[in-house]
Protein backbone atom coordinates (compact mmCIF):
# COMPACT_ATOMS: atom_id res chain seq x y z
CA MET A 1 87.16 67.25 92.82
CA THR A 2 90.10 68.32 90.51
CA THR A 3 93.54 68.39 92.53
CA PHE A 4 97.05 68.51 91.16
CA ASN A 5 99.82 66.82 93.25
CA TYR A 6 102.60 66.44 90.61
CA GLY A 7 105.70 68.15 91.32
CA PHE A 8 105.45 67.25 95.05
CA THR A 9 107.09 64.71 96.95
CA ASP A 10 105.12 62.43 99.24
CA GLU A 11 105.82 64.38 102.28
CA GLN A 12 104.96 67.63 100.58
CA VAL A 13 101.45 65.94 99.50
CA ALA A 14 100.94 64.84 103.19
CA LEU A 15 101.55 68.41 104.14
CA LYS A 16 99.02 69.51 101.62
CA GLU A 17 96.49 67.10 103.10
CA SER A 18 97.18 68.16 106.51
CA ALA A 19 96.47 71.81 105.45
CA LEU A 20 93.27 70.64 103.91
CA GLU A 21 92.13 68.75 107.02
CA PHE A 22 92.96 71.76 109.24
CA THR A 23 90.90 73.87 107.08
CA ARG A 24 87.80 71.56 107.26
CA ARG A 25 88.15 71.70 111.13
CA GLU A 26 89.32 75.24 112.08
CA VAL A 27 88.37 77.50 108.96
CA THR A 28 85.18 76.34 107.21
CA PRO A 29 82.85 76.47 109.96
CA TYR A 30 83.98 80.24 110.94
CA LEU A 31 85.15 81.82 107.71
CA ASP A 32 81.75 83.58 106.80
CA GLN A 33 81.73 85.22 110.11
CA TRP A 34 85.48 86.27 109.88
CA GLU A 35 84.71 87.83 106.54
CA LYS A 36 81.70 89.77 108.21
CA ASP A 37 83.80 90.77 111.05
CA GLY A 38 86.76 92.25 108.93
CA GLU A 39 89.40 90.28 110.58
CA ILE A 40 90.45 87.01 112.02
CA PRO A 41 90.75 86.17 115.74
CA ARG A 42 94.14 86.50 117.12
CA GLU A 43 93.87 82.88 118.63
CA PHE A 44 93.89 81.62 115.00
CA GLN A 45 97.67 82.43 114.86
CA LYS A 46 98.21 80.19 117.90
CA LYS A 47 96.10 77.24 116.35
CA LEU A 48 98.29 77.62 113.12
CA ALA A 49 101.49 77.57 115.05
CA HIS A 50 100.36 74.65 117.03
CA ALA A 51 99.44 72.59 113.86
CA GLY A 52 103.05 73.57 112.53
CA PHE A 53 102.01 75.74 109.70
CA LEU A 54 103.53 79.23 110.64
CA GLY A 55 107.06 78.03 110.37
CA VAL A 56 107.07 76.06 107.22
CA GLY A 57 109.83 77.35 105.14
CA VAL A 58 111.41 79.39 107.95
CA PRO A 59 114.88 78.30 109.13
CA GLU A 60 114.84 76.21 112.48
CA GLU A 61 117.34 78.52 113.98
CA VAL A 62 115.17 81.39 114.27
CA GLY A 63 112.11 79.20 115.50
CA GLY A 64 110.75 77.95 112.33
CA ASP A 65 110.34 74.39 111.01
CA GLY A 66 112.56 74.48 108.29
CA GLY A 67 111.78 73.47 104.65
CA THR A 68 111.92 75.19 101.24
CA LEU A 69 109.66 77.44 99.34
CA ILE A 70 108.23 74.26 97.49
CA ASP A 71 107.16 72.98 101.14
CA ALA A 72 105.31 76.23 101.61
CA CYS A 73 103.75 76.05 98.05
CA ALA A 74 102.36 72.49 99.01
CA MET A 75 100.85 73.82 102.28
CA GLN A 76 99.35 76.95 100.46
CA GLU A 77 97.78 74.55 97.84
CA GLY A 78 95.96 72.59 100.70
CA PHE A 79 94.64 75.91 102.31
CA MET A 80 93.42 77.35 98.94
CA GLU A 81 91.89 74.21 97.63
CA GLY A 82 89.88 74.08 101.00
CA GLY A 83 88.49 77.41 100.31
CA TRP A 84 90.49 79.97 102.15
CA SER A 85 89.62 83.61 101.06
CA GLY A 86 92.16 86.02 100.14
CA GLY A 87 91.96 88.04 103.21
CA LEU A 88 92.29 85.02 105.32
CA MET A 89 95.60 83.92 103.53
CA ALA A 90 96.98 87.51 103.72
CA SER A 91 96.26 88.10 107.32
CA ALA A 92 97.24 84.61 108.65
CA PHE A 93 100.65 84.74 106.71
CA THR A 94 101.40 88.26 106.92
CA HIS A 95 104.66 87.30 108.45
CA GLY A 96 105.84 85.89 104.99
CA ILE A 97 106.59 89.54 104.25
CA GLY A 98 107.01 90.99 107.79
CA ILE A 99 109.76 89.01 109.18
CA PRO A 100 112.17 87.63 106.35
CA HIS A 101 114.21 90.96 106.49
CA ILE A 102 114.84 90.68 110.13
CA ILE A 103 115.75 86.92 109.74
CA GLN A 104 117.90 87.51 107.12
CA ASN A 105 119.47 90.91 108.18
CA GLY A 106 118.58 91.73 111.71
CA SER A 107 120.40 91.24 114.94
CA GLN A 108 119.83 88.44 117.24
CA GLU A 109 117.89 90.75 119.60
CA LEU A 110 115.29 91.76 116.98
CA ILE A 111 115.05 87.88 115.94
CA ASP A 112 114.40 87.04 119.75
CA THR A 113 111.88 89.93 120.36
CA TYR A 114 110.04 89.61 117.19
CA VAL A 115 110.63 86.61 114.86
CA ARG A 116 110.24 84.10 117.57
CA PRO A 117 107.06 85.17 119.04
CA VAL A 118 105.50 85.58 115.60
CA LEU A 119 106.26 82.01 114.74
CA SER A 120 104.85 80.67 118.05
CA GLY A 121 101.58 82.84 117.24
CA ASP A 122 102.13 85.12 120.13
CA MET A 123 102.68 88.26 118.19
CA ILE A 124 101.42 89.55 114.71
CA GLY A 125 103.92 91.61 112.58
CA SER A 126 103.26 93.43 109.17
CA LEU A 127 105.43 95.22 106.63
CA ALA A 128 104.72 98.83 105.66
CA VAL A 129 106.28 100.09 102.42
CA THR A 130 103.29 101.48 100.33
CA GLU A 131 102.43 105.24 100.93
CA PRO A 132 99.80 107.57 99.59
CA GLY A 133 102.32 108.74 97.06
CA ALA A 134 104.36 105.79 96.38
CA GLY A 135 103.13 102.04 95.76
CA SER A 136 104.94 100.00 93.29
CA ASP A 137 107.56 102.79 93.24
CA VAL A 138 109.43 101.61 96.30
CA ALA A 139 112.44 103.74 95.63
CA ASN A 140 110.46 106.88 96.18
CA ILE A 141 109.05 106.39 99.56
CA ALA A 142 108.99 109.54 101.52
CA THR A 143 108.35 108.36 105.22
CA LYS A 144 111.62 109.86 107.01
CA ALA A 145 113.70 108.57 109.84
CA VAL A 146 116.32 111.21 111.44
CA ARG A 147 118.91 109.87 113.70
CA ASP A 148 118.79 111.65 117.22
CA GLY A 149 121.41 109.92 119.54
CA ASP A 150 120.36 106.60 120.56
CA HIS A 151 117.00 106.90 118.52
CA TYR A 152 115.46 107.39 115.07
CA VAL A 153 112.59 109.87 114.80
CA ILE A 154 110.10 108.81 112.27
CA ASN A 155 107.64 111.16 110.42
CA GLY A 156 105.23 110.08 107.56
CA ALA A 157 102.33 107.92 106.47
CA LYS A 158 101.83 104.57 105.13
CA THR A 159 98.55 103.13 103.58
CA PHE A 160 96.98 99.67 102.58
CA ILE A 161 99.03 97.97 105.18
CA THR A 162 97.94 94.31 105.80
CA SER A 163 97.54 93.35 109.49
CA SER A 164 98.37 96.66 110.81
CA VAL A 165 95.41 96.96 112.70
CA ARG A 166 95.64 94.04 114.90
CA GLY A 167 99.54 93.79 114.49
CA ASP A 168 101.93 94.06 117.35
CA PHE A 169 104.55 95.75 115.13
CA VAL A 170 105.26 97.12 111.64
CA THR A 171 108.61 96.57 109.60
CA THR A 172 108.67 100.08 108.17
CA ALA A 173 110.53 101.40 105.14
CA VAL A 174 111.81 104.83 105.73
CA ARG A 175 114.27 107.17 104.19
CA THR A 176 117.46 107.65 106.09
CA GLY A 177 119.68 108.92 103.17
CA GLU A 178 119.53 110.46 99.69
CA ALA A 179 116.79 110.36 97.27
CA GLY A 180 116.15 107.06 95.54
CA ALA A 181 116.83 103.36 96.40
CA HIS A 182 120.04 104.07 98.03
CA GLY A 183 118.49 106.02 100.96
CA ILE A 184 115.93 103.43 102.30
CA SER A 185 116.19 101.62 105.57
CA LEU A 186 114.00 99.37 107.39
CA ILE A 187 113.15 99.97 111.14
CA VAL A 188 110.98 97.99 113.37
CA VAL A 189 108.10 99.97 114.97
CA PRO A 190 106.24 98.40 117.90
CA LYS A 191 102.55 98.97 118.46
CA GLY A 192 102.08 101.61 121.50
CA THR A 193 105.10 103.68 120.52
CA PRO A 194 104.05 107.40 121.08
CA GLY A 195 103.22 109.13 118.00
CA PHE A 196 102.53 105.88 116.10
CA THR A 197 98.93 105.17 115.25
CA VAL A 198 96.53 103.47 112.93
CA SER A 199 94.95 106.39 111.63
CA ARG A 200 92.09 104.71 109.82
CA LYS A 201 90.84 100.97 109.20
CA LEU A 202 90.16 100.67 105.44
CA ASP A 203 87.16 99.04 103.83
CA LYS A 204 87.74 97.19 100.78
CA MET A 205 86.27 95.40 97.73
CA GLY A 206 87.48 92.28 98.65
CA TRP A 207 89.97 90.48 101.42
CA LEU A 208 87.33 91.33 103.88
CA ALA A 209 88.73 89.17 106.51
CA SER A 210 92.14 90.93 106.39
CA ASP A 211 92.55 94.02 108.46
CA THR A 212 94.04 96.86 106.30
CA GLY A 213 95.10 100.20 107.72
CA GLU A 214 96.59 103.45 107.15
CA LEU A 215 99.47 104.33 109.47
CA SER A 216 100.53 107.67 110.81
CA TYR A 217 103.93 108.50 112.05
CA GLU A 218 104.33 111.78 114.21
CA ASP A 219 107.63 112.18 115.75
CA VAL A 220 107.83 108.45 116.52
CA ARG A 221 110.95 107.64 118.45
CA VAL A 222 112.57 104.06 117.94
CA PRO A 223 115.59 102.76 119.54
CA VAL A 224 118.69 102.56 117.08
CA GLY A 225 118.66 98.96 117.74
CA ASN A 226 115.39 98.44 115.88
CA LEU A 227 117.18 99.28 112.52
CA VAL A 228 117.30 96.17 110.41
CA GLY A 229 120.58 95.44 109.11
CA GLN A 230 122.57 98.42 107.79
CA GLU A 231 121.36 101.73 107.19
CA ASN A 232 120.43 102.65 103.76
CA HIS A 233 120.28 99.02 102.68
CA GLY A 234 116.50 98.60 103.06
CA PHE A 235 115.72 98.78 99.44
CA TYR A 236 117.82 95.84 98.77
CA TYR A 237 116.49 93.82 101.81
CA ILE A 238 113.06 94.39 100.32
CA ALA A 239 114.09 93.30 97.03
CA GLN A 240 115.80 90.21 98.48
CA ASN A 241 112.27 88.85 99.26
CA PHE A 242 110.42 89.94 95.78
CA VAL A 243 110.64 86.47 94.50
CA SER A 244 109.23 84.55 97.28
CA GLU A 245 106.36 87.34 97.71
CA ARG A 246 105.41 87.06 93.99
CA ILE A 247 105.62 83.29 94.04
CA TRP A 248 103.33 83.42 97.07
CA LEU A 249 100.92 85.63 94.99
CA ALA A 250 100.99 83.50 92.14
CA LEU A 251 100.05 80.34 94.34
CA MET A 252 97.25 82.51 95.77
CA GLY A 253 96.07 83.20 92.15
CA TYR A 254 95.98 79.65 90.76
CA GLY A 255 94.64 78.52 94.14
CA HIS A 256 91.72 80.61 93.81
CA ALA A 257 91.22 79.62 90.27
CA LEU A 258 91.36 75.89 91.04
CA ARG A 259 88.79 76.48 94.02
CA CYS A 260 86.52 78.29 91.55
CA LEU A 261 86.97 75.43 88.76
CA ASN A 262 85.93 73.02 91.42
CA LEU A 263 83.00 75.07 92.51
CA ALA A 264 81.70 75.61 89.13
CA ALA A 265 82.13 72.00 88.11
CA ASP A 266 80.03 70.80 91.00
CA TYR A 267 77.41 73.39 90.13
CA CYS A 268 77.12 72.48 86.46
CA ARG A 269 76.68 68.72 87.30
CA THR A 270 73.83 69.36 89.81
CA ARG A 271 72.09 72.29 88.19
CA ASP A 272 69.39 71.42 85.86
CA THR A 273 68.22 73.67 82.96
CA PHE A 274 65.89 72.87 80.16
CA GLY A 275 65.65 69.23 81.50
CA LYS A 276 69.31 68.39 81.65
CA PRO A 277 72.23 69.26 83.83
CA LEU A 278 74.46 72.28 82.83
CA VAL A 279 77.47 70.04 82.10
CA ALA A 280 75.48 68.18 79.43
CA ASN A 281 75.95 71.39 77.24
CA GLN A 282 78.92 71.35 75.19
CA VAL A 283 79.75 75.19 75.64
CA VAL A 284 79.80 74.47 79.26
CA ARG A 285 82.08 71.63 79.01
CA ALA A 286 84.49 73.68 76.95
CA LYS A 287 84.66 76.35 79.55
CA LEU A 288 85.36 74.10 82.21
CA THR A 289 88.14 72.48 80.34
CA GLU A 290 89.77 75.76 79.42
CA MET A 291 89.57 76.66 83.02
CA HIS A 292 91.41 73.52 83.96
CA ARG A 293 94.01 74.14 81.29
CA GLN A 294 94.69 77.46 82.50
CA VAL A 295 95.00 76.47 86.12
CA ALA A 296 97.28 73.54 85.15
CA VAL A 297 99.60 75.99 83.13
CA ALA A 298 99.73 78.64 85.83
CA ARG A 299 100.48 76.06 88.60
CA SER A 300 103.22 74.29 86.33
CA TYR A 301 105.05 77.50 85.66
CA THR A 302 104.94 78.92 89.36
CA LEU A 303 106.29 75.69 90.77
CA GLU A 304 108.96 75.67 88.21
CA VAL A 305 110.17 79.06 89.08
CA ALA A 306 109.75 78.32 92.72
CA ASN A 307 111.92 75.04 92.48
CA ARG A 308 114.57 77.27 90.55
CA TYR A 309 114.50 79.70 93.23
CA ASP A 310 115.16 76.88 95.81
CA ALA A 311 117.95 75.81 93.71
CA GLY A 312 119.66 79.31 93.97
CA GLU A 313 118.87 80.73 90.61
CA ASP A 314 118.22 84.30 90.11
CA CYS A 315 114.59 84.32 89.21
CA ILE A 316 113.33 87.83 89.38
CA ALA A 317 112.12 88.16 85.90
CA GLU A 318 110.56 84.65 85.87
CA ALA A 319 108.72 85.40 89.30
CA CYS A 320 107.05 88.43 87.70
CA LEU A 321 105.85 86.57 84.91
CA ALA A 322 104.60 83.62 86.77
CA LYS A 323 102.79 86.17 89.16
CA GLN A 324 101.08 87.68 86.04
CA THR A 325 100.27 84.28 84.45
CA ALA A 326 98.72 83.13 87.76
CA VAL A 327 96.80 86.20 88.66
CA ASP A 328 95.58 86.71 85.18
CA THR A 329 94.31 83.07 85.36
CA ALA A 330 92.48 83.73 88.80
CA VAL A 331 90.86 86.77 87.30
CA TRP A 332 89.49 85.08 84.33
CA VAL A 333 88.51 81.70 85.97
CA ALA A 334 86.71 83.49 88.57
CA ASP A 335 84.69 85.46 86.22
CA GLN A 336 83.80 82.20 84.12
CA ALA A 337 82.99 80.61 87.55
CA VAL A 338 80.53 83.28 88.43
CA GLN A 339 78.92 83.46 84.79
CA LEU A 340 78.36 79.67 85.07
CA HIS A 341 76.54 79.99 88.37
CA GLY A 342 74.30 82.45 86.83
CA GLY A 343 72.37 84.57 89.10
CA MET A 344 73.54 82.74 92.15
CA GLY A 345 77.00 83.59 91.33
CA TYR A 346 76.28 87.21 91.82
CA MET A 347 74.81 86.44 95.38
CA ARG A 348 76.96 87.01 98.61
CA GLU A 349 75.98 83.60 99.79
CA SER A 350 77.79 82.05 96.90
CA GLU A 351 81.47 81.28 97.53
CA VAL A 352 82.51 82.07 93.92
CA GLU A 353 81.29 85.67 94.56
CA ARG A 354 83.90 86.21 97.19
CA HIS A 355 86.51 84.70 95.10
CA TYR A 356 85.78 86.98 92.34
CA ARG A 357 86.20 90.08 94.52
CA ASP A 358 89.32 88.50 96.30
CA VAL A 359 91.22 88.01 92.99
CA ARG A 360 90.81 91.36 91.76
CA LEU A 361 93.37 92.64 94.18
CA LEU A 362 96.26 90.20 92.87
CA PRO A 363 97.12 91.90 89.69
CA ILE A 364 97.64 95.17 91.88
CA GLY A 365 99.33 93.85 95.12
CA GLY A 366 102.95 92.89 95.44
CA GLY A 367 103.87 95.12 92.42
CA ALA A 368 101.04 95.92 89.84
CA THR A 369 101.25 93.90 86.58
CA GLU A 370 102.30 96.73 84.44
CA VAL A 371 105.15 97.54 86.50
CA LEU A 372 106.35 94.04 87.02
CA THR A 373 106.06 93.42 83.12
CA ASP A 374 108.20 96.50 82.55
CA LEU A 375 110.66 95.42 85.16
CA ALA A 376 110.73 91.58 83.53
CA ALA A 377 111.25 93.31 80.06
CA ARG A 378 114.45 95.11 81.37
CA LEU A 379 115.69 92.11 82.91
CA LEU A 380 115.17 90.03 79.95
CA GLY A 381 117.08 92.53 77.80
CA TYR A 382 114.13 93.89 75.92
CA SER A 383 114.66 97.56 76.92
CA LYS A 384 117.00 100.08 75.13
C-alpha cells in the first residue's frame, strides 16, 4: 500500500497510525450501513472524542487538545487512507467550520455552552451560510436578523447545510446591516427555537453518510447574547477560517485520491485478463504511476501551504490553489480508478464507485473552483 509520511514528525505519524487503527475498529465494519442510513450515529461523536480526535488542532483553553493545522492534517490522512467516505468526514468534523468563529470571537458563555460540549461529543454544531440565492457569494446573503430589545428576530432560509438535520445548533450568517460584506453577522441558533426548522433533508449524489438540510427561519427569536463577536463583523469572521477550511478540503481531495490509487493498484495486481494480471500491461502501469505522481504533488503543495499558515503567513491565494490542485487530482484519479476496475468500478459494491461520487462535490463546496481561481488572480495581482 502506498503511503506518504514525509513532512510529518514522529508524533504526527503516530497520530496518523492511531487514526488508521481507529478506522479499522470503529468505521470499516459500519460505514456501508451509515451510507445507506444517510447519517452517522450520534454516539460516534463520543467515540471520536474519547479517542482524542475531535479536539486536535483546537486550543486547550476551550476544551480542545491543542496542536496545529499540520497535526490535524496527519490525523485526517489516517482517516482518509483508511477509507472514510466524504460524507463521514464532513459530518464527523463539521465542528471544523461550525465552532472556530465562536472560539475566536465569541463570549465565554457561548464557548462554555456550545464549544466545549461539541468537543466532548455531547453536541453537534454546524455552520449555515449558503442560501438558495447565494452560495460562494457570501457577501450577498439575504437572511435577515433585526434587533428587538434583548433579542434578534431572524427570517430567511439556508440550504446545503451539513449536519443540520441531526445538529443541536447552527452558527448562522445573517444580515444585520447594510448590503454587502459589511452588514453580515454570525448568530448561534439552537435547535428547538420556535420558528427554526429543518424544512427538508436533501438527497445527494454523494456524501451519503452526511445529513444535509434546508433550513427555514420564520420570526426566530434568539437572545442578543448569541451574537458571535461584534455585529456586522461576520463576513470577516467567516473569512478568517477560509484558509483552514480549504486546506481541509484539499486534504480530503488527495486523501480520496490516495485511497483510490491503492484500491486500483490492488485490483490490478489480482485481476487477470488475457492470461496475465492487469498490472502486467504497460498502459496500466503508466496510469498507476501518473495517479501516484498527481497525489504526491497535491499532498506536497497542500502541506506546504498548511505549514505556512501555521507559521502565520497570509496564504489565502495559496489555499485556493492548493484546494484546486488537490480536488482536481481527486476527480481525475477517482475516474481512472473506476476505469481500471472496469465493470466492477461501476457497481455500488465497489468502494471506488463511492469515492467517484464523493469527490465530485469538492470542486463545488467551500468555494467553487471558478470563484476561488478568480479570487486568487486578484490576490496575486493578475487582475486590472
